[in-house]
Structures are given as C-alpha cells and as structure tokens.
Protein backbone atom coordinates (compact mmCIF):
# COMPACT_ATOMS: atom_id res chain seq x y z
CA MET A 1 0.00 0.00 0.00
CA ILE A 2 1.29 3.46 -0.95
CA ARG A 3 0.36 6.26 1.44
CA THR A 4 0.71 9.89 0.24
CA SER A 5 -0.05 12.79 2.59
CA ARG A 6 -0.84 16.26 1.24
CA ARG A 7 -2.56 19.46 2.45
CA LEU A 8 -5.76 21.09 1.23
CA ALA A 9 -6.09 24.84 0.69
CA ASP A 10 -7.30 25.44 4.26
CA GLY A 11 -4.53 23.35 5.86
CA ARG A 12 -6.49 20.12 6.40
CA GLU A 13 -4.64 16.88 5.77
CA ILE A 14 -5.60 14.65 2.84
CA VAL A 15 -4.11 11.17 2.48
CA TYR A 16 -4.20 9.13 -0.74
CA TYR A 17 -4.01 5.33 -0.55
CA ASP A 18 -3.02 3.26 -3.56
CA VAL A 19 -2.17 -0.39 -4.05
CA ASP A 20 1.50 -1.29 -4.39
CA GLY A 21 2.79 -0.72 -7.90
CA SER A 22 0.83 2.47 -8.51
CA THR A 23 2.92 5.23 -10.08
CA ALA A 24 0.54 8.08 -9.24
CA ALA A 25 2.42 11.09 -7.84
CA ARG A 26 -0.65 12.47 -6.06
CA ASP A 27 0.69 16.04 -6.17
CA ALA A 28 -2.24 18.00 -7.65
CA PRO A 29 -2.67 21.31 -5.75
CA ASP A 30 -5.97 22.44 -4.24
CA PRO A 31 -6.93 25.55 -6.26
CA ARG A 32 -9.71 26.73 -3.94
CA ASP A 33 -9.59 29.85 -1.79
CA LEU A 34 -10.84 28.41 1.49
CA PRO A 35 -10.98 30.06 4.91
CA SER A 36 -9.29 28.26 7.77
CA VAL A 37 -11.51 25.76 9.54
CA SER A 38 -12.75 27.13 12.86
CA THR A 39 -14.21 24.57 15.22
CA HIS A 40 -16.01 25.38 18.48
CA SER A 41 -17.10 21.88 19.50
CA GLN A 42 -17.71 21.26 23.17
CA LEU A 43 -18.30 18.25 25.37
CA ARG A 44 -20.89 18.45 28.12
CA TRP A 45 -21.28 15.83 30.86
CA ASP A 46 -24.71 14.29 31.46
CA ALA A 47 -24.40 13.63 35.19
CA LEU A 48 -27.52 11.45 35.45
CA GLN A 49 -26.58 9.08 32.62
CA GLY A 50 -22.83 9.33 33.10
CA GLU A 51 -22.13 10.14 29.45
CA TRP A 52 -20.46 12.87 27.42
CA VAL A 53 -22.56 14.71 24.81
CA VAL A 54 -20.88 16.51 21.88
CA TYR A 55 -22.13 19.92 20.72
CA ALA A 56 -21.04 21.07 17.25
CA ALA A 57 -23.44 23.80 16.12
CA HIS A 58 -21.17 24.83 13.22
CA ARG A 59 -22.17 21.61 11.42
CA GLN A 60 -25.59 23.07 10.61
CA THR A 61 -24.01 24.64 7.49
CA ARG A 62 -22.46 21.43 6.12
CA THR A 63 -23.16 20.29 2.56
CA PHE A 64 -26.56 18.59 2.28
CA LEU A 65 -27.53 16.24 -0.59
CA PRO A 66 -25.92 18.16 -3.48
CA PRO A 67 -26.64 17.15 -7.11
CA ALA A 68 -24.22 14.60 -8.54
CA ASP A 69 -22.37 17.20 -10.64
CA GLU A 70 -21.59 19.19 -7.48
CA CYS A 71 -20.49 16.26 -5.30
CA PRO A 72 -17.55 17.33 -3.10
CA LEU A 73 -16.20 13.75 -2.90
CA CYS A 74 -15.77 13.21 -6.63
CA PRO A 75 -12.34 13.85 -8.19
CA THR A 76 -11.55 17.34 -9.47
CA ARG A 77 -12.00 17.28 -13.25
CA PRO A 78 -12.08 19.89 -16.05
CA GLY A 79 -15.36 21.71 -16.54
CA ARG A 80 -16.53 21.16 -12.96
CA PRO A 81 -15.88 23.11 -9.73
CA PRO A 82 -12.91 21.90 -7.66
CA THR A 83 -13.85 19.36 -4.99
CA GLU A 84 -12.38 18.17 -1.71
CA VAL A 85 -10.11 15.85 -3.74
CA PRO A 86 -7.68 17.75 -6.00
CA GLU A 87 -6.62 14.66 -7.98
CA SER A 88 -8.44 13.73 -11.22
CA ASP A 89 -8.74 10.13 -10.03
CA TYR A 90 -7.96 8.12 -6.91
CA GLN A 91 -8.39 4.70 -5.31
CA VAL A 92 -9.12 5.41 -1.62
CA VAL A 93 -8.68 8.85 -0.09
CA VAL A 94 -8.99 10.13 3.49
CA PHE A 95 -9.20 13.75 4.59
CA GLU A 96 -10.04 15.75 7.68
CA ASN A 97 -13.74 16.63 7.73
CA ARG A 98 -14.43 20.24 6.78
CA PHE A 99 -17.31 20.28 9.27
CA PRO A 100 -15.95 18.15 12.13
CA SER A 101 -17.73 17.22 15.33
CA LEU A 102 -14.30 16.92 16.98
CA ALA A 103 -11.01 18.52 15.94
CA THR A 104 -7.39 18.81 17.04
CA ALA A 105 -7.46 22.61 16.57
CA VAL A 106 -10.65 23.13 18.56
CA ASP A 107 -11.16 26.35 20.51
CA PRO A 108 -9.80 25.54 24.02
CA ASP A 109 -11.64 28.43 25.71
CA VAL A 110 -14.55 26.54 27.29
CA PRO A 111 -16.22 27.43 30.61
CA PRO A 112 -15.79 24.67 33.22
CA ALA A 113 -19.54 23.98 33.38
CA ALA A 114 -22.78 24.74 31.54
CA PRO A 115 -24.57 27.98 32.51
CA GLY A 116 -26.43 27.48 35.77
CA ALA A 117 -25.52 23.78 35.95
CA PRO A 118 -22.26 23.16 37.85
CA TYR A 119 -22.78 19.38 37.58
CA ALA A 120 -22.75 19.61 33.72
CA LEU A 121 -18.99 19.77 33.25
CA GLN A 122 -17.66 21.08 29.95
CA ARG A 123 -14.52 20.31 27.93
CA PRO A 124 -13.24 21.34 24.49
CA GLY A 125 -14.36 18.96 21.73
CA GLN A 126 -10.85 17.78 21.01
CA GLY A 127 -10.38 14.78 18.74
CA ARG A 128 -10.49 14.21 15.01
CA CYS A 129 -13.10 13.38 12.37
CA GLU A 130 -12.04 12.03 8.99
CA VAL A 131 -13.88 11.19 5.76
CA VAL A 132 -12.91 7.94 4.01
CA VAL A 133 -13.89 7.87 0.32
CA PHE A 134 -14.05 4.31 -0.98
CA THR A 135 -13.85 4.97 -4.73
CA SER A 136 -13.77 7.79 -7.27
CA ASP A 137 -16.91 6.29 -8.90
CA HIS A 138 -19.85 8.33 -7.64
CA ASP A 139 -22.44 5.67 -8.51
CA ARG A 140 -20.64 2.57 -7.24
CA ALA A 141 -22.38 1.03 -4.22
CA PRO A 142 -20.03 -0.37 -1.54
CA ALA A 143 -21.59 -3.82 -2.04
CA ASP A 144 -20.45 -3.70 -5.67
CA LEU A 145 -16.83 -2.81 -5.00
CA PRO A 146 -14.35 -5.51 -6.08
CA VAL A 147 -12.76 -7.53 -3.29
CA GLU A 148 -9.39 -5.94 -4.14
CA ARG A 149 -10.76 -2.49 -3.27
CA LEU A 150 -12.28 -3.77 -0.04
CA ARG A 151 -8.88 -5.29 0.83
CA LEU A 152 -7.27 -1.87 0.36
CA LEU A 153 -10.02 -0.33 2.48
CA VAL A 154 -9.24 -2.75 5.32
CA ASP A 155 -5.62 -1.56 5.25
CA VAL A 156 -6.80 2.06 5.23
CA TRP A 157 -9.00 1.52 8.30
CA ALA A 158 -6.08 -0.15 10.08
CA ASP A 159 -3.71 2.68 9.15
CA ARG A 160 -6.11 5.38 10.32
CA THR A 161 -6.77 3.50 13.57
CA GLU A 162 -3.04 3.39 14.27
CA ALA A 163 -2.49 7.04 13.37
CA LEU A 164 -5.43 8.43 15.35
CA SER A 165 -4.75 6.24 18.38
CA GLY A 166 -1.46 8.10 18.72
CA LEU A 167 -3.05 11.55 19.03
CA ASP A 168 -2.97 13.19 22.46
CA GLY A 169 -6.18 12.68 24.42
CA VAL A 170 -7.78 10.13 22.06
CA GLU A 171 -9.45 7.26 23.94
CA TYR A 172 -11.38 5.47 21.18
CA VAL A 173 -11.12 5.19 17.36
CA PHE A 174 -14.34 4.37 15.50
CA PRO A 175 -14.40 3.64 11.74
CA PHE A 176 -17.95 3.47 10.39
CA GLU A 177 -20.14 3.87 7.32
CA ASN A 178 -23.64 5.32 7.05
CA HIS A 179 -25.41 4.11 3.90
CA GLY A 180 -28.74 5.45 2.61
CA GLU A 181 -30.71 8.66 3.06
CA GLU A 182 -32.95 7.03 5.69
CA ILE A 183 -29.86 6.73 7.90
CA GLY A 184 -29.17 10.45 7.53
CA VAL A 185 -26.50 10.40 4.83
CA THR A 186 -25.94 13.88 3.38
CA LEU A 187 -23.58 12.86 0.53
CA ALA A 188 -24.50 10.04 -1.85
CA HIS A 189 -20.93 9.25 -2.94
CA PRO A 190 -19.74 5.95 -1.33
CA HIS A 191 -17.80 6.91 1.76
CA GLY A 192 -17.41 6.32 5.48
CA GLN A 193 -15.88 8.16 8.40
CA VAL A 194 -13.49 7.69 11.30
CA TYR A 195 -14.07 9.40 14.64
CA ALA A 196 -11.34 9.73 17.24
CA TYR A 197 -13.13 10.38 20.54
CA PRO A 198 -11.54 11.99 23.62
CA PHE A 199 -13.70 9.70 25.78
CA LEU A 200 -14.96 6.12 25.81
CA PRO A 201 -18.32 6.14 23.94
CA PRO A 202 -21.30 4.58 25.74
CA ARG A 203 -21.49 1.31 23.79
CA ALA A 204 -17.80 0.55 24.30
CA ALA A 205 -18.04 1.54 27.98
CA ARG A 206 -20.98 -0.84 28.51
CA VAL A 207 -19.15 -3.72 26.82
CA VAL A 208 -16.05 -3.14 28.96
CA ALA A 209 -18.21 -3.08 32.10
CA SER A 210 -19.94 -6.32 31.06
CA ILE A 211 -16.75 -8.28 30.40
CA GLU A 212 -15.16 -7.02 33.62
CA ARG A 213 -18.27 -7.88 35.65
CA HIS A 214 -18.51 -11.35 34.08
CA ARG A 215 -14.88 -12.09 34.90
CA ALA A 216 -15.32 -10.90 38.49
CA GLU A 217 -18.50 -12.95 39.02
CA THR A 218 -17.63 -16.16 37.15
CA GLY A 219 -13.94 -16.05 36.33
CA GLY A 220 -14.97 -16.54 32.69
CA ASP A 221 -14.16 -14.78 29.44
CA LEU A 222 -17.42 -13.29 28.16
CA PHE A 223 -16.22 -12.42 24.65
CA ALA A 224 -14.75 -15.90 24.11
CA GLU A 225 -17.92 -17.56 25.40
CA VAL A 226 -20.17 -15.47 23.13
CA VAL A 227 -18.04 -16.07 20.04
CA ALA A 228 -17.78 -19.82 20.67
CA ALA A 229 -21.54 -20.17 21.18
CA GLU A 230 -22.52 -18.09 18.16
CA ARG A 231 -20.04 -19.81 15.80
CA GLY A 232 -21.71 -23.12 16.63
CA GLY A 233 -25.28 -21.82 16.83
CA PRO A 234 -28.30 -21.54 14.52
CA ARG A 235 -27.80 -17.91 13.54
CA VAL A 236 -24.59 -18.26 11.51
CA VAL A 237 -25.10 -16.72 8.07
CA ALA A 238 -21.67 -17.21 6.46
CA SER A 239 -18.09 -18.03 7.37
CA ASN A 240 -14.65 -18.54 5.90
CA GLU A 241 -11.29 -19.64 7.29
CA HIS A 242 -10.82 -16.58 9.49
CA TRP A 243 -14.26 -14.91 9.96
CA THR A 244 -17.84 -15.80 10.91
CA ALA A 245 -20.91 -13.64 10.28
CA PHE A 246 -23.95 -14.27 12.48
CA VAL A 247 -27.14 -12.60 13.63
CA PRO A 248 -26.59 -12.00 17.36
CA ALA A 249 -28.94 -13.79 19.73
CA ALA A 250 -30.16 -10.50 21.20
CA ALA A 251 -30.16 -8.43 17.98
CA ARG A 252 -31.73 -5.00 18.47
CA TRP A 253 -32.17 -4.03 14.83
CA PRO A 254 -34.54 -5.57 12.26
CA TYR A 255 -31.55 -6.80 10.24
CA GLU A 256 -28.23 -7.15 12.02
CA LEU A 257 -25.03 -9.09 11.41
CA GLN A 258 -21.94 -9.24 13.55
CA LEU A 259 -18.68 -10.24 11.90
CA PHE A 260 -16.02 -11.70 14.21
CA PRO A 261 -12.50 -12.94 13.46
CA HIS A 262 -11.76 -16.44 14.73
CA ARG A 263 -8.66 -15.17 16.54
CA ARG A 264 -8.98 -12.62 19.33
CA VAL A 265 -7.43 -9.31 18.30
CA PRO A 266 -8.12 -5.89 19.86
CA ASP A 267 -8.34 -3.84 16.68
CA LEU A 268 -7.86 -3.70 12.92
CA PRO A 269 -4.09 -3.02 12.99
CA ALA A 270 -3.61 -6.34 14.84
CA LEU A 271 -5.03 -8.43 11.97
CA SER A 272 -2.59 -10.54 9.96
CA GLY A 273 -2.34 -10.35 6.19
CA ALA A 274 -4.33 -13.56 5.77
CA GLU A 275 -7.03 -12.30 8.14
CA ARG A 276 -7.28 -9.05 6.17
CA ASP A 277 -7.62 -10.99 2.91
CA ALA A 278 -10.40 -13.10 4.40
CA LEU A 279 -12.08 -10.01 5.86
CA ALA A 280 -12.36 -8.43 2.41
CA ASP A 281 -14.18 -11.57 1.18
CA ALA A 282 -16.41 -11.73 4.26
CA LEU A 283 -17.25 -8.04 4.05
CA ARG A 284 -18.25 -8.27 0.39
CA ASP A 285 -20.46 -11.27 1.22
CA ALA A 286 -22.16 -9.48 4.11
CA LEU A 287 -22.76 -6.25 2.16
CA GLY A 288 -24.08 -8.29 -0.76
CA ARG A 289 -26.63 -10.07 1.40
CA PHE A 290 -27.88 -6.75 2.75
CA ALA A 291 -27.98 -5.21 -0.73
CA HIS A 292 -30.06 -8.04 -2.19
CA ARG A 293 -32.36 -9.01 0.68
CA PHE A 294 -35.12 -6.76 -0.74
CA ASP A 295 -35.81 -5.41 -4.22
CA GLU A 296 -35.08 -1.91 -2.92
CA PRO A 297 -31.71 -0.80 -1.49
CA MET A 298 -31.07 -1.65 2.15
CA ASN A 299 -29.97 1.28 4.30
CA TYR A 300 -27.39 0.29 6.90
CA ILE A 301 -24.73 1.32 9.37
CA ALA A 302 -21.41 -0.55 9.44
CA ALA A 303 -19.73 0.05 12.81
CA TRP A 304 -16.30 -1.26 13.80
CA ASN A 305 -16.14 -2.13 17.49
CA GLN A 306 -12.47 -1.88 18.43
CA ALA A 307 -10.72 -1.98 21.78
CA PRO A 308 -10.29 1.31 23.63
CA VAL A 309 -6.90 2.92 23.11
CA ARG A 310 -5.82 2.50 26.73
CA ARG A 311 -8.18 0.05 28.43
CA ALA A 312 -9.34 -3.60 28.24
CA ARG A 313 -7.20 -4.33 25.20
CA GLU A 314 -6.31 -7.85 26.37
CA ASP A 315 -9.99 -8.75 26.86
CA TRP A 316 -11.50 -7.09 23.77
CA TRP A 317 -12.48 -8.97 20.59
CA LEU A 318 -12.62 -6.88 17.43
CA HIS A 319 -15.91 -7.13 15.52
CA LEU A 320 -18.05 -5.39 12.93
CA GLN A 321 -21.68 -4.58 13.64
CA LEU A 322 -23.70 -4.27 10.41
CA PHE A 323 -27.35 -3.30 10.87
CA SER A 324 -30.31 -1.76 9.08
CA LEU A 325 -33.42 0.17 10.08
CA ARG A 326 -35.42 -1.51 7.30
CA ARG A 327 -37.80 -4.11 8.71
CA ALA A 328 -39.74 -4.92 5.52
CA PRO A 329 -40.06 -3.57 1.96
CA GLY A 330 -41.09 0.08 2.21
CA LYS A 331 -41.09 0.00 6.03
CA LEU A 332 -38.53 1.35 8.48
CA LYS A 333 -38.04 0.62 12.15
CA TYR A 334 -38.49 3.97 13.88
CA LEU A 335 -36.91 4.50 17.26
CA ALA A 336 -39.99 5.82 19.00
CA GLY A 337 -41.08 6.03 22.64
CA SER A 338 -39.55 2.87 24.11
CA GLU A 339 -36.30 2.99 22.17
CA SER A 340 -35.66 6.74 22.13
CA GLY A 341 -37.26 7.58 25.44
CA MET A 342 -36.09 4.66 27.56
CA GLY A 343 -33.41 2.95 25.47
CA ALA A 344 -35.43 -0.30 25.61
CA PHE A 345 -35.46 -1.91 22.16
CA ILE A 346 -38.52 -3.79 20.88
CA SER A 347 -37.81 -5.75 17.70
CA ASP A 348 -40.22 -6.52 14.86
CA THR A 349 -38.15 -9.49 13.71
CA THR A 350 -36.56 -12.53 15.38
CA PRO A 351 -32.82 -13.25 15.04
CA GLU A 352 -33.37 -16.83 13.89
CA ASP A 353 -35.77 -15.79 11.09
CA VAL A 354 -33.43 -13.02 9.94
CA ALA A 355 -30.48 -15.42 9.86
CA GLU A 356 -32.45 -17.84 7.69
CA GLN A 357 -33.48 -15.02 5.32
CA LEU A 358 -29.91 -13.76 4.95
CA ARG A 359 -28.57 -17.28 4.40
CA ALA A 360 -31.08 -17.72 1.58
CA THR A 361 -30.20 -14.40 -0.07
CA THR A 362 -28.31 -14.89 -3.33
CA TRP A 363 -27.16 -12.62 -6.13
C-alpha cells in the first residue's frame, strides 16, 4: 500500500491510498480559496446518565444532498468546480472533515460547566473526524466494490486507527459507514468516516463493564464464550477460514449481522495479512446479502467495534456490527417512545428468522 499525505487549501490533511505498484504522484494542488476551519465543538457531561454529549453547532451549514455534478467527494475534473479531492482520479482517499464534530485545533476556551448547571462539566471537543472515500466512482455502491478495493479499504481503516490512536487525548477510534438517506447520509458518494473520541463512547463503555463484571463474578471470558456459542449456533449466516458472520442472539435491529474474526485481536491493525484478505471476502459477502435481501436498497450502518486505546485491550475482541433500520419492503423501524425515550429496544423481527433469510439471499 502506498500512502501519500498532502494538504488542502485550508490546511487540512488529505491522504491518498493506492495499491503497491501504482505510479501516481498524487501532487495535484488544491486551487480553492478556502478560509481556515474554525471549530467550536464542546463536550458536556450528562451527570444522570454518566455520558459525554458533543455539541457542534457549526455543522448546521455542512453540505446537504448536493446534485451529482456538485459532489464534493468526486475527483476534481475539467469543466466542474474543484472538490475536496484535487486529484483527477484516486483509489481510496482520506481527509479531515471540513465540518468536524471533533477537531485537534478546537477552541480551548470553554467554561468549566454549563450555565447554571455546575454538575454539567464542559470540555473542548478535542479529537479528530475524517472522511474515508471508498472509490472515485460516484455511482458505485459499496456492495459492488471488487474484493481488491475492499482489501485496500481494510488496510486504510487499520492505518487510520493506528495514526489516530497516537493523538494526544484520544481514547477510542471508531471507523464506520452510514449508507442510505434514511440513515441520515448527506452525501451520496460511497464513503465512510473515522471518529477519534476523547472519551470512551457509551457502547464501548458498557461492553467493557460487562466483560469485567462477568470475569469478576464467574472467572470466565465473556467475549470468548459469546463467540464460541454463536459460531456453533443456529444464527450463523456465512463463514470462511478466518471470519464468521452471524445474527446475534439479542439483535436489536430488524436486520443485524456481527462479523467476528476467529482469533482474538483488539483492533484492525492487529489483523494478519491472511485475516485481512479473508475479511475483504467476508465483508463483500455481508454487504451483498444486505444489498439483495429486498428489491429496494437496504440502508445500513457498518460500525467497527475496536478496543479502547488504553483500556481492556487484552480482553476485547474486534468485531463489525452491520445493521439496518429496514424491517420490511417500504417499512422502516423507527426509534420511538420505548427505544428513544427509555433505550429499551422492541424488535419486529426474530434473530433466527433473519439469519435464515440472509442465508437464503443470493445474487
């Protein structure tokens, strides 16, 4: 893999990733006259729930569903306005988000607490948010990418995880993809993101608490027990030499797959070359099943659950959570009173039925 780092007109970093053997120089300048990015993100502590909330009001002005000929993720080509990518073509490219929720150059001048609420502690929203563009082809769905491109993407995720884990104050690195307007995607071009949080996000914190509690109460290894049971259970959808995809026994979403490596590793950089090869195959299979389950496109979120940067790394088991809000053709699962108000999920599908449907999906 060839990694080439450059700077955009406003000083943000852009990194091009190409397969070995590419001769691309990746030295096209950014011709735009852009103001410097000014970020005023803040963190505020929810004392009752014990969670940090991020406030990034400047994101209200971010680009929203532009026409295809104004897509900021397409390459810069003659006859069209310059985009976020100065090159006329690329394989995979990563750049700092122009409208970040978290940033390394965030305004540090934050009052210690919210107005009139001394228990609601405040901190600068320090971290980093990156955009990962999977292909220069605007109309290519991720499920249709060749396995070679997905293999490069695995290396890119691993590289960004390693780089962002080394930033001061970063506690968790989260690569993810939102796919489909129903999910809230504002740019149609195939892409994902990587967030580097200055705190442990709630899902990761709950998992850490669960594995630590299980070990204290039983002496057992909760991750290992879950993986062993699911790999031999009725909800397996697909597997290869190094990975197994299954519908979890307590799935929350109408359609959900979890993809686990057979060897315990804490994060993507820890995967071997053979495991990365097999992951590209497994990922293409999983995305294909989601893409072809219904006649209409399946919206989804692909969320990498990695170990925290500084905690529970020996106990963590890397896995991908792939899930959709679509419960049936033309019908979405809305997070209404029980889910949004109380965080208590009520599912319209059963994990065993969903596993059978996904196993039967062909294309």
